[in-house]
Protein backbone atom coordinates (compact mmCIF):
# COMPACT_ATOMS: atom_id res chain seq x y z
CA UNK A 1 -7.80 -17.17 12.90
CA UNK A 2 -10.64 -14.71 13.36
CA UNK A 3 -14.18 -15.94 12.68
CA UNK A 4 -17.59 -15.79 14.38
CA UNK A 5 -18.53 -18.71 16.65
CA UNK A 6 -21.86 -18.91 14.71
CA UNK A 7 -20.00 -19.66 11.46
CA UNK A 8 -17.54 -22.38 12.60
CA UNK A 9 -18.74 -24.91 9.89
CA UNK A 10 -17.89 -22.35 7.24
CA UNK A 11 -14.32 -21.96 8.31
CA UNK A 12 -13.19 -25.44 9.56
CA UNK A 13 -13.08 -28.76 7.56
CA UNK A 14 -15.91 -31.21 8.09
CA UNK A 15 -13.59 -33.84 9.55
CA UNK A 16 -12.40 -31.36 12.12
CA UNK A 17 -16.04 -30.50 13.06
CA UNK A 18 -16.83 -34.26 13.49
CA UNK A 19 -13.81 -34.91 15.55
CA UNK A 20 -14.55 -31.91 17.81
CA UNK A 21 -18.19 -32.99 18.24
CA UNK A 22 -17.14 -36.62 19.17
CA UNK A 23 -14.65 -35.10 21.66
CA UNK A 24 -17.22 -32.72 23.19
CA UNK A 25 -19.97 -35.33 23.53
CA UNK A 26 -17.54 -37.68 25.29
CA UNK A 27 -16.42 -35.10 27.77
CA UNK A 28 -18.04 -33.24 30.67
CA UNK A 29 -19.33 -29.91 29.31
CA UNK A 30 -19.05 -28.50 32.92
CA UNK A 31 -15.28 -28.58 32.37
CA UNK A 32 -15.88 -25.63 29.94
CA UNK A 33 -15.32 -22.50 32.00
CA UNK A 34 -15.03 -18.76 31.43
CA UNK A 35 -11.72 -17.95 33.26
CA UNK A 36 -12.02 -14.18 32.63
CA UNK A 37 -14.44 -12.02 30.52
CA UNK A 38 -14.20 -13.54 27.02
CA UNK A 39 -11.51 -16.10 27.93
CA UNK A 40 -12.80 -19.75 27.89
CA UNK A 41 -10.90 -22.93 28.74
CA UNK A 42 -11.60 -26.70 28.63
CA UNK A 43 -10.05 -29.12 31.02
CA UNK A 44 -10.00 -32.38 29.05
CA UNK A 45 -9.54 -35.88 30.65
CA UNK A 46 -6.37 -36.53 28.49
CA UNK A 47 -4.67 -33.56 30.10
CA UNK A 48 -4.84 -31.13 27.30
CA UNK A 49 -6.31 -27.73 28.11
CA UNK A 50 -7.20 -25.62 25.11
CA UNK A 51 -8.23 -22.01 25.62
CA UNK A 52 -9.78 -19.39 23.18
CA UNK A 53 -10.30 -15.58 23.57
CA UNK A 54 -13.58 -14.15 22.26
CA UNK A 55 -14.39 -10.59 21.16
CA UNK A 56 -18.06 -10.11 20.40
CA UNK A 57 -18.45 -13.83 19.73
CA UNK A 58 -15.42 -13.86 17.36
CA UNK A 59 -12.36 -15.97 18.08
CA UNK A 60 -9.62 -13.40 18.65
CA UNK A 61 -6.75 -15.82 19.69
CA UNK A 62 -6.47 -19.45 20.63
CA UNK A 63 -3.84 -21.79 22.22
CA UNK A 64 -3.67 -25.54 22.92
CA UNK A 65 -0.61 -27.57 24.34
CA UNK A 66 -1.07 -30.39 21.90
CA UNK A 67 1.29 -30.77 18.93
CA UNK A 68 -1.06 -29.25 16.43
CA UNK A 69 -1.90 -26.37 18.85
CA UNK A 70 1.80 -25.65 19.44
CA UNK A 71 2.21 -25.11 15.67
CA UNK A 72 -0.69 -22.53 15.79
CA UNK A 73 -3.22 -24.81 14.06
CA UNK A 74 -6.82 -25.13 15.15
CA UNK A 75 -6.81 -28.72 16.54
CA UNK A 76 -9.65 -31.15 17.59
CA UNK A 77 -9.41 -29.94 21.19
CA UNK A 78 -9.94 -26.21 20.13
CA UNK A 79 -12.80 -27.17 17.86
CA UNK A 80 -14.47 -29.05 20.73
CA UNK A 81 -14.00 -26.09 23.00
CA UNK A 82 -15.40 -23.58 20.31
CA UNK A 83 -18.44 -25.79 19.78
CA UNK A 84 -19.11 -26.19 23.45
CA UNK A 85 -18.78 -22.47 24.17
CA UNK A 86 -21.24 -21.81 21.25
CA UNK A 87 -23.60 -24.38 22.72
CA UNK A 88 -23.38 -22.68 26.16
CA UNK A 89 -23.86 -19.15 24.77
CA UNK A 90 -26.85 -20.29 22.56
CA UNK A 91 -28.68 -21.87 25.48
CA UNK A 92 -31.73 -19.78 26.39
CA UNK A 93 -31.51 -18.31 29.77
CA UNK A 94 -34.04 -19.65 32.38
CA UNK A 95 -37.02 -17.40 32.74
CA UNK A 96 -37.86 -15.99 36.09
CA UNK A 97 -40.98 -16.94 38.02
CA UNK A 98 -43.87 -14.46 37.69
CA UNK A 99 -43.80 -13.84 41.43
CA UNK A 100 -40.32 -12.38 41.14
CA UNK A 101 -39.65 -8.83 39.90
CA UNK A 102 -38.95 -9.10 36.10
CA UNK A 103 -36.91 -6.87 33.91
CA UNK A 104 -38.34 -8.38 30.74
CA UNK A 105 -40.15 -5.17 29.91
CA UNK A 106 -36.80 -3.36 29.71
CA UNK A 107 -35.36 -5.84 27.26
CA UNK A 108 -34.07 -3.94 24.14
CA UNK A 109 -35.51 -4.91 20.75
CA UNK A 110 -32.33 -5.43 18.79
CA UNK A 111 -31.07 -7.94 16.16
CA UNK A 112 -29.36 -10.25 18.53
CA UNK A 113 -32.32 -10.49 20.88
CA UNK A 114 -34.73 -11.11 17.95
CA UNK A 115 -32.50 -13.86 16.55
CA UNK A 116 -32.25 -15.51 19.97
CA UNK A 117 -35.98 -15.56 20.38
CA UNK A 118 -37.21 -16.39 16.88
CA UNK A 119 -37.85 -19.91 15.90
CA UNK A 120 -35.81 -21.54 13.03
CA UNK A 121 -38.76 -22.13 10.79
CA UNK A 122 -40.22 -18.69 11.39
CA UNK A 123 -36.85 -16.96 10.66
CA UNK A 124 -36.34 -19.11 7.53
CA UNK A 125 -39.92 -18.00 6.27
CA UNK A 126 -39.14 -14.37 6.90
CA UNK A 127 -35.79 -14.53 5.08
CA UNK A 128 -37.58 -16.21 2.14
CA UNK A 129 -40.37 -13.63 1.92
CA UNK A 130 -37.93 -10.70 2.27
CA UNK A 131 -35.60 -12.05 -0.43
CA UNK A 132 -38.58 -12.20 -2.81
CA UNK A 133 -39.40 -8.45 -2.17
CA UNK A 134 -35.85 -7.08 -1.93
CA UNK A 135 -33.58 -7.86 -4.83
CA UNK A 136 -30.29 -6.57 -3.21
CA UNK A 137 -30.92 -8.67 -0.17
CA UNK A 138 -31.59 -11.74 -2.44
CA UNK A 139 -28.29 -11.16 -4.36
CA UNK A 140 -26.42 -10.71 -1.07
CA UNK A 141 -27.88 -13.96 0.29
CA UNK A 142 -26.89 -16.01 -2.83
CA UNK A 143 -23.41 -14.46 -2.84
CA UNK A 144 -22.66 -15.07 0.86
CA UNK A 145 -23.88 -18.70 0.78
CA UNK A 146 -22.76 -19.57 -2.61
CA UNK A 147 -20.18 -22.03 -1.35
CA UNK A 148 -22.82 -24.22 0.23
CA UNK A 149 -24.21 -25.12 -3.40
CA UNK A 150 -22.25 -28.19 -4.61
CA UNK A 151 -21.98 -28.47 -8.40
CA UNK A 152 -19.71 -30.01 -11.00
CA UNK A 153 -19.50 -26.65 -12.86
CA UNK A 154 -18.12 -24.18 -10.38
CA UNK A 155 -17.39 -21.63 -13.08
CA UNK A 156 -20.93 -21.58 -14.37
CA UNK A 157 -22.30 -21.30 -10.65
CA UNK A 158 -20.20 -18.10 -9.92
CA UNK A 159 -20.84 -16.62 -13.41
CA UNK A 160 -24.60 -16.87 -12.72
CA UNK A 161 -24.25 -15.28 -9.30
CA UNK A 162 -21.98 -12.42 -10.58
CA UNK A 163 -24.30 -11.77 -13.55
CA UNK A 164 -27.26 -11.56 -11.30
CA UNK A 165 -25.51 -9.09 -8.99
CA UNK A 166 -24.43 -6.92 -11.96
CA UNK A 167 -27.80 -6.85 -13.44
CA UNK A 168 -29.52 -6.07 -10.08
CA UNK A 169 -27.12 -3.26 -9.26
CA UNK A 170 -26.56 -1.40 -12.59
CA UNK A 171 -29.29 -2.67 -14.87
CA UNK A 172 -28.99 -3.52 -18.48
CA UNK A 173 -27.19 -0.19 -19.58
CA UNK A 174 -23.53 -0.32 -18.70
CA UNK A 175 -22.46 2.83 -20.61
CA UNK A 176 -22.17 5.01 -17.56
CA UNK A 177 -21.69 3.54 -14.06
CA UNK A 178 -22.29 6.07 -11.39
CA UNK A 179 -20.68 5.98 -7.98
CA UNK A 180 -24.07 4.86 -6.39
CA UNK A 181 -24.44 1.91 -8.72
CA UNK A 182 -20.77 0.92 -8.02
CA UNK A 183 -21.23 1.06 -4.27
CA UNK A 184 -24.06 -1.49 -4.45
CA UNK A 185 -22.06 -3.74 -6.71
CA UNK A 186 -18.83 -3.44 -4.84
CA UNK A 187 -20.48 -5.11 -1.75
CA UNK A 188 -21.27 -8.18 -3.80
CA UNK A 189 -17.73 -8.31 -5.47
CA UNK A 190 -16.10 -7.91 -2.09
CA UNK A 191 -18.01 -10.82 -0.64
CA UNK A 192 -16.97 -13.03 -3.52
CA UNK A 193 -13.26 -11.96 -3.40
CA UNK A 194 -13.38 -12.58 0.35
CA UNK A 195 -14.72 -16.07 -0.24
CA UNK A 196 -11.81 -16.61 -2.84
CA UNK A 197 -9.26 -15.48 -0.28
CA UNK A 198 -10.76 -17.72 2.41
CA UNK A 199 -10.80 -20.53 -0.01
CA UNK A 200 -7.19 -19.99 -0.91
CA UNK A 201 -6.24 -20.16 2.69
CA UNK A 202 -8.15 -23.33 3.21
CA UNK A 203 -6.69 -24.75 -0.03
CA UNK A 204 -10.05 -24.85 -1.90
CA UNK A 205 -8.19 -24.03 -5.14
CA UNK A 206 -11.01 -25.08 -7.57
CA UNK A 207 -13.49 -22.74 -5.76
CA UNK A 208 -11.07 -19.73 -5.53
CA UNK A 209 -10.17 -20.14 -9.13
CA UNK A 210 -13.74 -20.09 -10.36
CA UNK A 211 -14.56 -16.95 -8.33
CA UNK A 212 -11.36 -15.03 -9.44
CA UNK A 213 -11.92 -15.95 -13.14
CA UNK A 214 -15.41 -14.62 -13.05
CA UNK A 215 -14.51 -11.26 -11.20
CA UNK A 216 -11.63 -10.74 -13.68
CA UNK A 217 -13.78 -11.69 -16.75
CA UNK A 218 -16.95 -9.88 -15.90
CA UNK A 219 -15.88 -6.86 -13.87
CA UNK A 220 -12.91 -5.79 -15.97
CA UNK A 221 -15.20 -4.71 -18.95
CA UNK A 222 -17.29 -2.57 -16.58
CA UNK A 223 -14.22 -0.46 -15.48
CA UNK A 224 -14.05 1.27 -18.83
CA UNK A 225 -17.31 3.21 -18.24
CA UNK A 226 -17.08 3.46 -14.47
CA UNK A 227 -16.86 6.69 -12.54
CA UNK A 228 -13.78 6.68 -10.21
CA UNK A 229 -11.35 3.78 -9.42
CA UNK A 230 -13.57 1.57 -7.15
CA UNK A 231 -14.13 -1.27 -9.60
CA UNK A 232 -10.51 -1.04 -10.88
CA UNK A 233 -9.32 -1.65 -7.15
CA UNK A 234 -11.42 -4.84 -7.00
CA UNK A 235 -10.16 -6.11 -10.41
CA UNK A 236 -6.56 -5.30 -9.22
CA UNK A 237 -7.15 -7.23 -5.98
CA UNK A 238 -8.48 -10.18 -7.95
CA UNK A 239 -5.33 -10.24 -10.06
CA UNK A 240 -3.08 -10.07 -7.03
CA UNK A 241 -5.00 -12.94 -5.43
CA UNK A 242 -4.75 -14.90 -8.79
CA UNK A 243 -1.00 -14.51 -8.76
CA UNK A 244 -1.01 -15.76 -5.16
CA UNK A 245 -3.22 -18.65 -6.30
CA UNK A 246 -0.80 -19.37 -9.27
CA UNK A 247 2.01 -19.79 -6.82
CA UNK A 248 0.23 -22.26 -4.61
CA UNK A 249 0.57 -26.11 -4.71
CA UNK A 250 -2.08 -26.79 -7.35
CA UNK A 251 -3.23 -30.08 -8.64
CA UNK A 252 -1.77 -30.93 -12.11
CA UNK A 253 -5.25 -30.91 -13.94
CA UNK A 254 -6.24 -27.57 -12.30
CA UNK A 255 -2.78 -26.16 -13.20
CA UNK A 256 -3.29 -27.12 -16.97
CA UNK A 257 -6.75 -25.58 -16.92
CA UNK A 258 -5.52 -22.37 -15.46
CA UNK A 259 -2.58 -22.06 -18.05
CA UNK A 260 -5.21 -22.47 -20.86
CA UNK A 261 -7.70 -20.07 -19.26
CA UNK A 262 -5.34 -17.23 -18.50
CA UNK A 263 -3.56 -17.61 -21.89
CA UNK A 264 -6.79 -17.31 -23.75
CA UNK A 265 -7.90 -14.28 -21.55
CA UNK A 266 -4.52 -12.50 -21.99
CA UNK A 267 -5.00 -12.63 -25.74
CA UNK A 268 -8.60 -11.63 -25.73
CA UNK A 269 -9.57 -8.34 -27.36
CA UNK A 270 -11.79 -7.11 -24.47
CA UNK A 271 -8.88 -6.52 -22.19
CA UNK A 272 -6.84 -4.27 -24.54
CA UNK A 273 -8.76 -1.20 -23.53
CA UNK A 274 -7.05 0.39 -20.58
CA UNK A 275 -4.31 -2.13 -21.13
CA UNK A 276 -5.62 -4.64 -18.53
CA UNK A 277 -3.80 -7.26 -20.52
CA UNK A 278 -0.53 -6.27 -18.59
CA UNK A 279 -2.05 -7.55 -15.46
CA UNK A 280 -2.03 -11.10 -16.99
CA UNK A 281 1.82 -11.09 -17.62
CA UNK A 282 2.98 -12.05 -14.04
CA UNK A 283 0.36 -14.79 -13.94
CA UNK A 284 1.53 -16.31 -17.20
CA UNK A 285 5.18 -16.25 -15.97
CA UNK A 286 4.18 -17.99 -12.85
CA UNK A 287 2.17 -20.61 -14.57
CA UNK A 288 4.38 -21.41 -17.46
CA UNK A 289 7.34 -21.65 -15.25
CA UNK A 290 5.56 -24.28 -13.01
CA UNK A 291 4.79 -26.31 -15.96
CA UNK A 292 8.18 -25.84 -17.70
CA UNK A 293 6.57 -24.65 -21.05
CA UNK A 294 8.25 -21.26 -21.37
CA UNK A 295 8.93 -22.13 -25.19
CA UNK A 296 5.06 -22.38 -25.70
CA UNK A 297 4.77 -18.95 -23.92
CA UNK A 298 7.37 -17.46 -26.26
CA UNK A 299 5.43 -18.75 -29.26
CA UNK A 300 2.19 -17.20 -27.82
CA UNK A 301 3.88 -13.82 -27.36
CA UNK A 302 5.16 -13.86 -30.94
CA UNK A 303 1.65 -14.64 -32.22
CA UNK A 304 0.30 -11.73 -30.24
CA UNK A 305 2.94 -9.32 -31.57
CA UNK A 306 1.99 -10.27 -34.99
CA UNK A 307 -1.48 -8.71 -34.63
CA UNK A 308 -1.54 -5.45 -36.56
CA UNK A 309 -4.70 -4.28 -34.79
CA UNK A 310 -2.94 -3.94 -31.46
CA UNK A 311 -2.15 -0.31 -30.28
CA UNK A 312 1.43 0.93 -30.17
CA UNK A 313 1.33 1.26 -26.39
CA UNK A 314 0.19 -2.33 -25.91
CA UNK A 315 2.70 -3.63 -28.39
CA UNK A 316 5.47 -2.01 -26.38
CA UNK A 317 4.09 -3.78 -23.26
CA UNK A 318 4.06 -7.09 -24.98
CA UNK A 319 7.71 -6.48 -26.21
CA UNK A 320 8.82 -5.74 -22.52
CA UNK A 321 7.16 -8.94 -21.48
CA UNK A 322 8.83 -10.81 -24.30
CA UNK A 323 12.11 -9.54 -22.97
CA UNK A 324 11.28 -11.05 -19.56
CA UNK A 325 10.54 -14.39 -21.09
CA UNK A 326 13.65 -14.22 -23.27
CA UNK A 327 15.71 -13.65 -20.27
CA UNK A 328 14.23 -16.74 -18.53
CA UNK A 329 14.93 -18.75 -21.68
CA UNK A 330 18.46 -17.36 -21.79
CA UNK A 331 17.98 -16.32 -25.38
CA UNK A 332 20.64 -13.68 -25.66
CA UNK A 333 20.01 -13.05 -29.37
CA UNK A 334 16.33 -12.22 -28.63
CA UNK A 335 17.23 -10.05 -25.59
CA UNK A 336 19.74 -8.04 -27.74
CA UNK A 337 17.14 -7.61 -30.55
CA UNK A 338 14.47 -6.15 -28.11
CA UNK A 339 16.98 -3.92 -26.37
CA UNK A 340 18.25 -2.55 -29.78
CA UNK A 341 14.65 -1.86 -30.67
CA UNK A 342 14.15 -0.08 -27.29
CA UNK A 343 17.25 2.10 -27.87
CA UNK A 344 15.30 3.77 -30.68
CA UNK A 345 11.79 3.87 -29.13
CA UNK A 346 11.55 6.17 -26.07
CA UNK A 347 8.36 4.65 -24.78
CA UNK A 348 9.55 1.06 -24.97
CA UNK A 349 12.85 2.25 -23.39
CA UNK A 350 10.85 3.63 -20.47
CA UNK A 351 8.69 0.43 -20.01
CA UNK A 352 11.79 -1.83 -19.99
CA UNK A 353 13.54 0.52 -17.49
CA UNK A 354 10.53 0.32 -15.10
CA UNK A 355 10.18 -3.38 -15.30
CA UNK A 356 14.07 -3.84 -14.89
CA UNK A 357 14.15 -1.62 -11.90
CA UNK A 358 11.15 -3.47 -10.17
CA UNK A 359 12.77 -6.88 -10.89
CA UNK A 360 16.27 -5.52 -10.01
CA UNK A 361 17.71 -6.57 -13.43
CA UNK A 362 20.78 -4.34 -13.20
CA UNK A 363 22.57 -6.05 -16.15
CA UNK A 364 19.61 -5.46 -18.46
CA UNK A 365 19.74 -1.69 -17.39
CA UNK A 366 23.40 -1.38 -18.04
CA UNK A 367 23.10 -3.05 -21.41
CA UNK A 368 20.20 -0.93 -22.42
CA UNK A 369 21.98 2.37 -21.57
CA UNK A 370 25.16 1.13 -23.38
CA UNK A 371 23.20 0.46 -26.55
CA UNK A 372 21.40 3.87 -26.31
CA UNK A 373 24.67 5.60 -25.73
CA UNK A 374 26.30 3.90 -28.65
CA UNK A 375 23.47 3.98 -31.23
CA UNK A 376 21.04 6.75 -30.17
CA UNK A 377 22.34 9.12 -27.51
CA UNK A 378 19.48 11.54 -28.03
CA UNK A 379 17.01 9.15 -26.38
CA UNK A 380 18.99 9.54 -23.08
CA UNK A 381 18.42 13.33 -23.09
CA UNK A 382 14.73 12.77 -23.68
CA UNK A 383 14.41 10.70 -20.51
CA UNK A 384 17.36 12.20 -18.62
CA UNK A 385 15.63 12.56 -15.25
CA UNK A 386 14.27 9.02 -15.18
CA UNK A 387 17.60 7.63 -16.50
CA UNK A 388 19.63 9.55 -14.02
CA UNK A 389 17.57 8.36 -11.06
CA UNK A 390 17.91 4.62 -12.03
CA UNK A 391 21.63 4.99 -12.82
CA UNK A 392 22.09 6.68 -9.35
CA UNK A 393 20.19 3.65 -7.70
CA UNK A 394 22.43 1.19 -9.51
CA UNK A 395 25.51 3.12 -8.38
CA UNK A 396 24.24 3.19 -4.85
CA UNK A 397 23.80 -0.53 -4.87
CA UNK A 398 27.30 -1.12 -6.35
CA UNK A 399 28.85 1.63 -4.10
CA UNK A 400 30.19 3.48 -7.20
CA UNK A 401 31.38 6.74 -5.57
CA UNK A 402 32.42 8.25 -8.92
CA UNK A 403 28.92 8.00 -10.44
CA UNK A 404 27.29 9.09 -7.12
CA UNK A 405 29.39 12.28 -7.10
CA UNK A 406 28.45 13.00 -10.77
CA UNK A 407 24.74 12.39 -10.42
CA UNK A 408 23.84 13.54 -6.92
CA UNK A 409 24.10 17.30 -7.49
CA UNK A 410 22.03 16.90 -10.70
CA UNK A 411 19.34 15.06 -9.01
CA UNK A 412 19.39 17.31 -6.03
CA UNK A 413 18.59 20.25 -8.22
CA UNK A 414 15.99 18.31 -10.10
CA UNK A 415 13.98 17.01 -7.17
CA UNK A 416 15.00 19.23 -4.18
CA UNK A 417 15.55 16.08 -2.05
CA UNK A 418 18.24 16.42 0.47
CA UNK A 419 18.70 12.62 0.57
CA UNK A 420 20.96 12.95 -2.51
CA UNK A 421 23.24 15.36 -0.70
CA UNK A 422 23.45 13.12 2.38
CA UNK A 423 24.24 10.08 0.18
CA UNK A 424 26.99 11.88 -1.54
CA UNK A 425 28.58 13.18 1.68
CA UNK A 426 28.54 9.61 3.09
CA UNK A 427 30.51 8.41 -0.04
CA UNK A 428 32.91 11.37 0.11
CA UNK A 429 36.30 11.08 1.82
CA UNK A 430 36.64 13.26 4.85
CA UNK A 431 39.25 15.49 3.49
CA UNK A 432 37.11 16.27 0.48
CA UNK A 433 33.79 17.05 2.36
CA UNK A 434 34.51 20.64 2.64
CA UNK A 435 34.82 21.04 -1.12
CA UNK A 436 31.74 18.92 -1.75
CA UNK A 437 29.66 21.00 0.79
CA UNK A 438 30.87 24.17 -0.86
CA UNK A 439 29.84 22.99 -4.35
CA UNK A 440 26.37 22.04 -3.10
CA UNK A 441 26.16 25.46 -1.36
CA UNK A 442 26.96 27.27 -4.61
CA UNK A 443 24.20 25.25 -6.38
CA UNK A 444 21.63 26.40 -3.92
CA UNK A 445 22.98 29.99 -3.71
CA UNK A 446 22.41 30.44 -7.46
CA UNK A 447 19.04 28.76 -7.43
CA UNK A 448 15.89 31.06 -7.34
CA UNK A 449 14.31 29.29 -4.27
CA UNK A 450 15.20 29.18 -0.68
CA UNK A 451 15.24 25.45 -0.04
CA UNK A 452 14.17 23.96 3.17
CA UNK A 453 16.62 21.15 2.41
CA UNK A 454 19.43 23.77 2.69
CA UNK A 455 19.19 23.51 6.58
CA UNK A 456 20.95 20.13 6.40
CA UNK A 457 23.73 21.63 4.19
CA UNK A 458 24.02 24.57 6.43
CA UNK A 459 24.81 22.27 9.44
CA UNK A 460 27.69 20.73 7.50
CA UNK A 461 28.94 24.19 6.43
CA UNK A 462 29.36 25.00 10.12
CA UNK A 463 31.19 21.60 10.71
CA UNK A 464 33.43 22.15 7.80
CA UNK A 465 34.38 25.74 8.56
CA UNK A 466 32.33 27.47 5.76
CA UNK A 467 30.80 30.17 7.96
CA UNK A 468 31.76 32.93 5.44
CA UNK A 469 29.61 31.30 2.66
CA UNK A 470 26.76 30.79 5.13
CA UNK A 471 26.77 34.43 6.17
CA UNK A 472 26.69 35.43 2.54
CA UNK A 473 23.78 33.07 1.83
CA UNK A 474 21.81 34.39 4.84
CA UNK A 475 22.44 37.98 3.71
CA UNK A 476 21.53 37.35 0.14
CA UNK A 477 18.33 35.26 0.91
CA UNK A 478 17.12 37.12 4.05
CA UNK A 479 16.84 33.83 5.85
CA UNK A 480 15.73 34.57 9.43
CA UNK A 481 15.46 30.85 10.31
CA UNK A 482 19.01 30.06 9.33
CA UNK A 483 20.36 33.20 11.18
CA UNK A 484 18.63 32.03 14.38
CA UNK A 485 19.62 28.41 13.97
CA UNK A 486 23.39 29.29 13.60
CA UNK A 487 23.54 32.52 15.50
CA UNK A 488 25.95 31.41 18.18
CA UNK A 489 28.47 29.95 15.64
CA UNK A 490 28.30 32.97 13.44
CA UNK A 491 28.83 35.47 16.34
CA UNK A 492 31.84 33.42 17.27
CA UNK A 493 33.25 33.45 13.84
CA UNK A 494 32.58 37.09 12.67
CA UNK A 495 30.77 39.14 15.35
CA UNK A 496 30.68 42.41 13.37
CA UNK A 497 29.30 40.96 10.11
CA UNK A 498 26.76 38.85 12.02
CA UNK A 499 25.46 41.85 14.02
CA UNK A 500 25.30 43.90 10.74
CA UNK A 501 23.07 41.24 9.25
CA UNK A 502 21.03 41.04 12.53
CA UNK A 503 20.40 44.85 12.27
CA UNK A 504 19.13 44.77 8.66
CA UNK A 505 17.43 41.43 8.15
CA UNK A 506 14.61 41.83 10.66
CA UNK A 507 13.50 45.11 9.09
CA UNK A 508 13.45 43.64 5.63
CA UNK A 509 11.69 40.49 7.02
CA UNK A 510 8.91 42.67 8.67
CA UNK A 511 8.40 44.67 5.57
CA UNK A 512 7.47 41.53 3.61
CA UNK A 513 5.84 39.50 6.27
CA UNK A 514 2.85 40.56 8.50
CA UNK A 515 1.08 38.84 11.36
CA UNK A 516 1.61 37.87 14.91
CA UNK A 517 3.76 34.80 14.16
CA UNK A 518 6.31 36.77 12.11
CA UNK A 519 6.62 39.47 14.78
CA UNK A 520 7.36 36.60 17.27
CA UNK A 521 10.02 35.18 15.03
CA UNK A 522 11.82 38.50 15.09
CA UNK A 523 11.32 38.83 18.90
CA UNK A 524 12.85 35.41 19.24
CA UNK A 525 16.05 36.59 17.40
CA UNK A 526 16.32 39.47 19.88
CA UNK A 527 15.99 37.11 22.72
CA UNK A 528 18.82 34.87 21.26
CA UNK A 529 21.09 38.01 20.88
CA UNK A 530 20.39 38.81 24.57
CA UNK A 531 21.39 35.36 25.63
CA UNK A 532 24.83 35.83 23.94
CA UNK A 533 25.45 39.06 25.84
CA UNK A 534 24.78 41.45 23.14
CA UNK A 535 22.53 43.51 25.44
CA UNK A 536 23.69 47.04 24.14
CA UNK A 537 22.98 45.93 20.49
CA UNK A 538 19.69 44.41 21.62
CA UNK A 539 18.52 47.69 23.14
CA UNK A 540 19.37 49.66 19.98
CA UNK A 541 17.76 47.02 17.74
CA UNK A 542 14.51 46.82 19.65
CA UNK A 543 14.14 50.61 19.68
CA UNK A 544 14.89 50.72 15.97
CA UNK A 545 12.23 48.08 15.18
CA UNK A 546 9.55 49.70 17.36
CA UNK A 547 10.24 53.04 15.68
CA UNK A 548 10.18 51.57 12.23
CA UNK A 549 6.87 49.69 12.80
CA UNK A 550 4.83 51.76 15.14
CA UNK A 551 1.55 50.07 14.08
CA UNK A 552 2.76 46.58 14.74
CA UNK A 553 1.31 46.41 18.26
CA UNK A 554 2.29 42.71 18.70
CA UNK A 555 5.88 43.52 17.98
CA UNK A 556 5.97 46.48 20.48
CA UNK A 557 4.55 44.37 23.31
CA UNK A 558 7.27 41.74 22.79
CA UNK A 559 10.15 44.15 22.57
CA UNK A 560 9.36 47.18 24.77
CA UNK A 561 10.93 45.61 27.89
CA UNK A 562 14.27 45.76 26.22
CA UNK A 563 14.17 49.62 25.87
């Protein structure tokens, strides 16, 4: 729990506050002591000793040896301590007598000091006057303290507050929302969403529901004309909190209200632009599963799919959602029908694949691929990369070595990700690893690029005794880094061929690469050769390089001591 001491009443239940005050008034306040800087403890007569740690008047951590405190809850004892500490900190310090030397003139004029000195009524009048003259401050004030206003219609309360915020920040025209206008509005939206999150934690479900509904309903249409993704991020956060809210222990009447509201909103035309309708799908699943009315949800989806004005893209999204509901209803006939349609629609196929992969519906993926292979094989070639990745992930989960060995080389060449190679090696029998490594080596050798991922393969080539292939690769690709990495092993395997490459490769490398760093890379190769007792060769190579590149001063400086 992390909140300011001055805002205790906003974060704790009224009953907890009352109990804490009674406990504090019935105890000796002198028992509240600051043990260390920022750490306060309260020695109660009943034997309990609550403690809190403060950081800039915010409760950073707390502990109490009562049952509630042991569970990590904020108990009556902790509440009494927090109220007592606040009372102590808020007490004005005794003023020094005029005869003594005073440092009052040195006191800084900052917000904390002004708030400590200003009278309650005086401060109240100032806030009222400033709110009249500053619209943004007025809106911020209403937004921050909205929860204090008790009303029977929470939805109308937050609708009014958000409408005022939108009007004050962006005006009447909503066609083009600049970044500056959004920054103003974002502060108010964030304040409301934070209140909803806090209400959710404190189980104020009705208040949270009203805030989240208004943010989704009023801010979503603004995102169509917004510059950047700032407003979209706020809407997405509201949807995420709504899903968390829908999975909470809601009162039955609020649950029914939420089902009706989110169902109506999911079918509303205004959410179709930008496909924000999709964000309602997880909410509807969560709510209808709670109420046990999935048949009613199925009927609602069928009604939506019958709307001819819906875009093709959104229709596919509803079909994918319908598949999810059909699975929950165990309606195999409907599942087969949607999958068969997807086998002839590449975009629906992709949507279902993404959903099935996220939800780990392996059986759906296999069934979809089976239908496509049987009825429309061309669709698999159209989405080959995406399909191969998903099939590879399934094979990995099921430890299907045959499928892994077929797909890993293909995906390696598509993505240049060495993880596919490592996965294949881990599923390959030890006696077959040499052959597998050689096959991967041939793939890379015939590719147009020098792959950084080849370093991992080169290490295994040494382990599997494929030094000949590695020497050919280094010679063909002019890879100085690989030559230095495996110089010792290659000299031991074939000294003459390795030295031949060492004599040719640096010249080619320096012809194509200039700069101090590249000269240093060549000098490092010469140093390595000297470590392996090839000093005669090193002397000839150093002389050859200095003569070949007389203007490369950095190279001469690093090699001249070998001549």
